[in-house]
N, C-alpha and C. Protein backbone atom coordinates (compact mmCIF):
# COMPACT_ATOMS: atom_id res chain seq x y z
N MET A 1 -16.46 -32.17 -0.21
CA MET A 1 -15.83 -32.17 -1.52
C MET A 1 -14.32 -31.97 -1.35
N LYS A 2 -13.55 -32.80 -1.98
CA LYS A 2 -12.11 -32.64 -1.95
C LYS A 2 -11.72 -31.45 -2.81
N ILE A 3 -10.59 -30.86 -2.49
CA ILE A 3 -10.14 -29.67 -3.21
C ILE A 3 -9.80 -29.99 -4.67
N ASP A 4 -9.42 -31.22 -4.97
CA ASP A 4 -9.06 -31.57 -6.36
C ASP A 4 -10.26 -32.04 -7.17
N GLU A 5 -11.45 -32.00 -6.60
CA GLU A 5 -12.64 -32.44 -7.32
C GLU A 5 -13.46 -31.23 -7.77
N GLN A 6 -12.95 -30.49 -8.73
CA GLN A 6 -13.65 -29.33 -9.25
C GLN A 6 -13.62 -29.33 -10.78
N PRO A 7 -14.27 -30.30 -11.40
CA PRO A 7 -14.19 -30.41 -12.86
C PRO A 7 -14.85 -29.24 -13.60
N ASN A 8 -15.77 -28.54 -12.95
CA ASN A 8 -16.47 -27.43 -13.62
C ASN A 8 -15.84 -26.07 -13.35
N ASN A 9 -14.71 -26.05 -12.68
CA ASN A 9 -14.05 -24.80 -12.36
C ASN A 9 -12.78 -24.67 -13.20
N PRO A 10 -12.82 -23.88 -14.30
CA PRO A 10 -11.65 -23.77 -15.17
C PRO A 10 -10.47 -23.06 -14.51
N LEU A 11 -10.71 -22.38 -13.40
CA LEU A 11 -9.62 -21.67 -12.72
C LEU A 11 -9.01 -22.47 -11.58
N HIS A 12 -9.52 -23.67 -11.35
CA HIS A 12 -8.99 -24.49 -10.26
C HIS A 12 -7.51 -24.78 -10.49
N GLY A 13 -6.70 -24.48 -9.48
CA GLY A 13 -5.26 -24.74 -9.57
C GLY A 13 -4.47 -23.63 -10.24
N ILE A 14 -5.15 -22.60 -10.73
CA ILE A 14 -4.48 -21.49 -11.40
C ILE A 14 -4.37 -20.33 -10.41
N THR A 15 -3.15 -19.91 -10.13
CA THR A 15 -2.95 -18.81 -9.19
C THR A 15 -3.13 -17.47 -9.91
N LEU A 16 -3.34 -16.44 -9.13
CA LEU A 16 -3.44 -15.10 -9.69
C LEU A 16 -2.16 -14.73 -10.44
N GLU A 17 -1.03 -15.11 -9.90
CA GLU A 17 0.24 -14.81 -10.56
C GLU A 17 0.33 -15.53 -11.91
N MET A 18 -0.11 -16.77 -11.97
CA MET A 18 -0.10 -17.50 -13.24
C MET A 18 -0.99 -16.81 -14.27
N MET A 19 -2.17 -16.34 -13.82
CA MET A 19 -3.06 -15.62 -14.73
C MET A 19 -2.41 -14.36 -15.27
N LEU A 20 -1.81 -13.57 -14.37
CA LEU A 20 -1.19 -12.31 -14.80
C LEU A 20 -0.03 -12.54 -15.75
N VAL A 21 0.81 -13.50 -15.45
CA VAL A 21 1.94 -13.80 -16.34
C VAL A 21 1.42 -14.20 -17.72
N HIS A 22 0.41 -15.04 -17.76
CA HIS A 22 -0.19 -15.46 -19.03
C HIS A 22 -0.74 -14.26 -19.80
N LEU A 23 -1.48 -13.39 -19.10
CA LEU A 23 -2.09 -12.24 -19.75
C LEU A 23 -1.04 -11.26 -20.27
N VAL A 24 0.02 -11.06 -19.52
CA VAL A 24 1.10 -10.16 -19.99
C VAL A 24 1.76 -10.76 -21.23
N GLU A 25 1.96 -12.07 -21.24
CA GLU A 25 2.55 -12.72 -22.41
C GLU A 25 1.63 -12.63 -23.62
N CYS A 26 0.32 -12.77 -23.39
CA CYS A 26 -0.65 -12.73 -24.49
C CYS A 26 -0.86 -11.32 -25.03
N TYR A 27 -1.04 -10.37 -24.13
CA TYR A 27 -1.48 -9.03 -24.54
C TYR A 27 -0.43 -7.94 -24.35
N GLY A 28 0.45 -8.09 -23.40
CA GLY A 28 1.40 -7.03 -23.07
C GLY A 28 0.73 -6.02 -22.15
N TRP A 29 1.55 -5.20 -21.49
CA TRP A 29 1.02 -4.24 -20.51
C TRP A 29 0.12 -3.19 -21.14
N ASP A 30 0.49 -2.69 -22.33
CA ASP A 30 -0.30 -1.63 -22.97
C ASP A 30 -1.70 -2.10 -23.31
N GLU A 31 -1.81 -3.29 -23.87
CA GLU A 31 -3.13 -3.85 -24.21
C GLU A 31 -3.94 -4.13 -22.95
N LEU A 32 -3.29 -4.63 -21.91
CA LEU A 32 -3.99 -4.85 -20.65
C LEU A 32 -4.52 -3.54 -20.09
N ALA A 33 -3.73 -2.48 -20.17
CA ALA A 33 -4.17 -1.17 -19.69
C ALA A 33 -5.35 -0.66 -20.51
N ASP A 34 -5.38 -0.97 -21.80
CA ASP A 34 -6.53 -0.58 -22.63
C ASP A 34 -7.78 -1.37 -22.25
N ARG A 35 -7.61 -2.64 -22.00
CA ARG A 35 -8.75 -3.50 -21.66
C ARG A 35 -9.27 -3.27 -20.25
N LEU A 36 -8.36 -2.99 -19.32
CA LEU A 36 -8.73 -2.74 -17.93
C LEU A 36 -7.85 -1.59 -17.42
N PRO A 37 -8.35 -0.37 -17.55
CA PRO A 37 -7.53 0.80 -17.20
C PRO A 37 -7.40 1.01 -15.69
N VAL A 38 -6.48 0.28 -15.10
CA VAL A 38 -6.18 0.43 -13.68
C VAL A 38 -4.72 0.86 -13.56
N ASN A 39 -4.44 1.57 -12.49
CA ASN A 39 -3.13 2.17 -12.31
C ASN A 39 -1.99 1.16 -12.36
N CYS A 40 -2.19 -0.03 -11.84
CA CYS A 40 -1.10 -1.01 -11.82
C CYS A 40 -0.73 -1.51 -13.22
N PHE A 41 -1.59 -1.29 -14.21
CA PHE A 41 -1.27 -1.62 -15.60
C PHE A 41 -0.76 -0.39 -16.36
N ILE A 42 -1.09 0.80 -15.89
CA ILE A 42 -0.78 2.03 -16.62
C ILE A 42 0.58 2.62 -16.22
N ASN A 43 0.79 2.77 -14.93
CA ASN A 43 2.00 3.43 -14.43
C ASN A 43 2.99 2.42 -13.86
N ASN A 44 4.13 2.30 -14.53
CA ASN A 44 5.20 1.42 -14.08
C ASN A 44 4.67 0.02 -13.75
N PRO A 45 4.07 -0.66 -14.72
CA PRO A 45 3.44 -1.96 -14.44
C PRO A 45 4.45 -3.04 -14.07
N SER A 46 4.03 -3.89 -13.16
CA SER A 46 4.83 -5.05 -12.78
C SER A 46 3.89 -6.12 -12.25
N ILE A 47 4.37 -7.34 -12.25
CA ILE A 47 3.57 -8.44 -11.70
C ILE A 47 3.34 -8.19 -10.21
N LYS A 48 4.37 -7.74 -9.51
CA LYS A 48 4.26 -7.53 -8.06
C LYS A 48 3.19 -6.50 -7.73
N SER A 49 3.20 -5.34 -8.40
CA SER A 49 2.20 -4.31 -8.09
C SER A 49 0.81 -4.78 -8.49
N SER A 50 0.72 -5.52 -9.57
CA SER A 50 -0.57 -6.04 -10.01
C SER A 50 -1.13 -7.05 -9.01
N LEU A 51 -0.28 -7.94 -8.52
CA LEU A 51 -0.72 -8.92 -7.53
C LEU A 51 -1.26 -8.22 -6.28
N THR A 52 -0.56 -7.21 -5.83
CA THR A 52 -1.00 -6.47 -4.64
C THR A 52 -2.38 -5.87 -4.87
N PHE A 53 -2.56 -5.22 -6.02
CA PHE A 53 -3.83 -4.57 -6.33
C PHE A 53 -4.96 -5.59 -6.46
N PHE A 54 -4.77 -6.62 -7.25
CA PHE A 54 -5.85 -7.57 -7.52
C PHE A 54 -6.21 -8.43 -6.31
N ARG A 55 -5.26 -8.63 -5.42
CA ARG A 55 -5.57 -9.38 -4.19
C ARG A 55 -6.46 -8.56 -3.26
N LYS A 56 -6.34 -7.24 -3.34
CA LYS A 56 -7.10 -6.36 -2.44
C LYS A 56 -8.39 -5.83 -3.06
N THR A 57 -8.61 -6.08 -4.35
CA THR A 57 -9.72 -5.45 -5.06
C THR A 57 -10.57 -6.51 -5.75
N PRO A 58 -11.61 -6.99 -5.07
CA PRO A 58 -12.42 -8.10 -5.61
C PRO A 58 -13.04 -7.83 -6.98
N TRP A 59 -13.56 -6.63 -7.23
CA TRP A 59 -14.20 -6.36 -8.53
C TRP A 59 -13.17 -6.44 -9.66
N ALA A 60 -11.96 -5.98 -9.40
CA ALA A 60 -10.92 -6.02 -10.43
C ALA A 60 -10.42 -7.44 -10.65
N ARG A 61 -10.35 -8.21 -9.58
CA ARG A 61 -9.91 -9.60 -9.71
C ARG A 61 -10.89 -10.38 -10.58
N LYS A 62 -12.19 -10.12 -10.41
CA LYS A 62 -13.19 -10.79 -11.25
C LYS A 62 -12.98 -10.46 -12.72
N LYS A 63 -12.62 -9.22 -13.00
CA LYS A 63 -12.37 -8.81 -14.39
C LYS A 63 -11.13 -9.51 -14.95
N ILE A 64 -10.11 -9.66 -14.12
CA ILE A 64 -8.90 -10.36 -14.56
C ILE A 64 -9.20 -11.83 -14.82
N GLU A 65 -9.98 -12.44 -13.95
CA GLU A 65 -10.35 -13.84 -14.14
C GLU A 65 -11.16 -14.02 -15.43
N ALA A 66 -12.05 -13.08 -15.70
CA ALA A 66 -12.85 -13.14 -16.93
C ALA A 66 -11.96 -12.96 -18.16
N LEU A 67 -11.03 -12.04 -18.08
CA LEU A 67 -10.11 -11.82 -19.21
C LEU A 67 -9.23 -13.05 -19.43
N TYR A 68 -8.82 -13.68 -18.36
CA TYR A 68 -8.01 -14.90 -18.46
C TYR A 68 -8.81 -16.01 -19.15
N ARG A 69 -10.05 -16.22 -18.71
CA ARG A 69 -10.90 -17.24 -19.35
C ARG A 69 -11.11 -16.91 -20.82
N GLU A 70 -11.35 -15.64 -21.12
CA GLU A 70 -11.52 -15.22 -22.52
C GLU A 70 -10.27 -15.53 -23.34
N SER A 71 -9.10 -15.28 -22.78
CA SER A 71 -7.85 -15.52 -23.51
C SER A 71 -7.64 -17.00 -23.82
N LEU A 72 -8.26 -17.86 -23.01
CA LEU A 72 -8.15 -19.30 -23.24
C LEU A 72 -9.31 -19.84 -24.08
N GLY A 73 -10.26 -18.97 -24.39
CA GLY A 73 -11.41 -19.40 -25.16
C GLY A 73 -12.44 -20.14 -24.34
N LEU A 74 -12.47 -19.88 -23.03
CA LEU A 74 -13.43 -20.57 -22.13
C LEU A 74 -14.66 -19.75 -21.91
């Protein structure tokens, strides 16, 4: 299967950084901290600290991906 042949994958081509930027624009840091209370959203939040955390934490990344899909109505 070629990498560009993923019609059933709504996250294909979307980077973690793109997801986080979108979610911050949609909800803001405070709402994100309410929806997913993790330290990188609560204390001095930034895209950089969030990327570090979500890249190392598979369970949290799944939650971010689910929240991203929800924000798009998928």
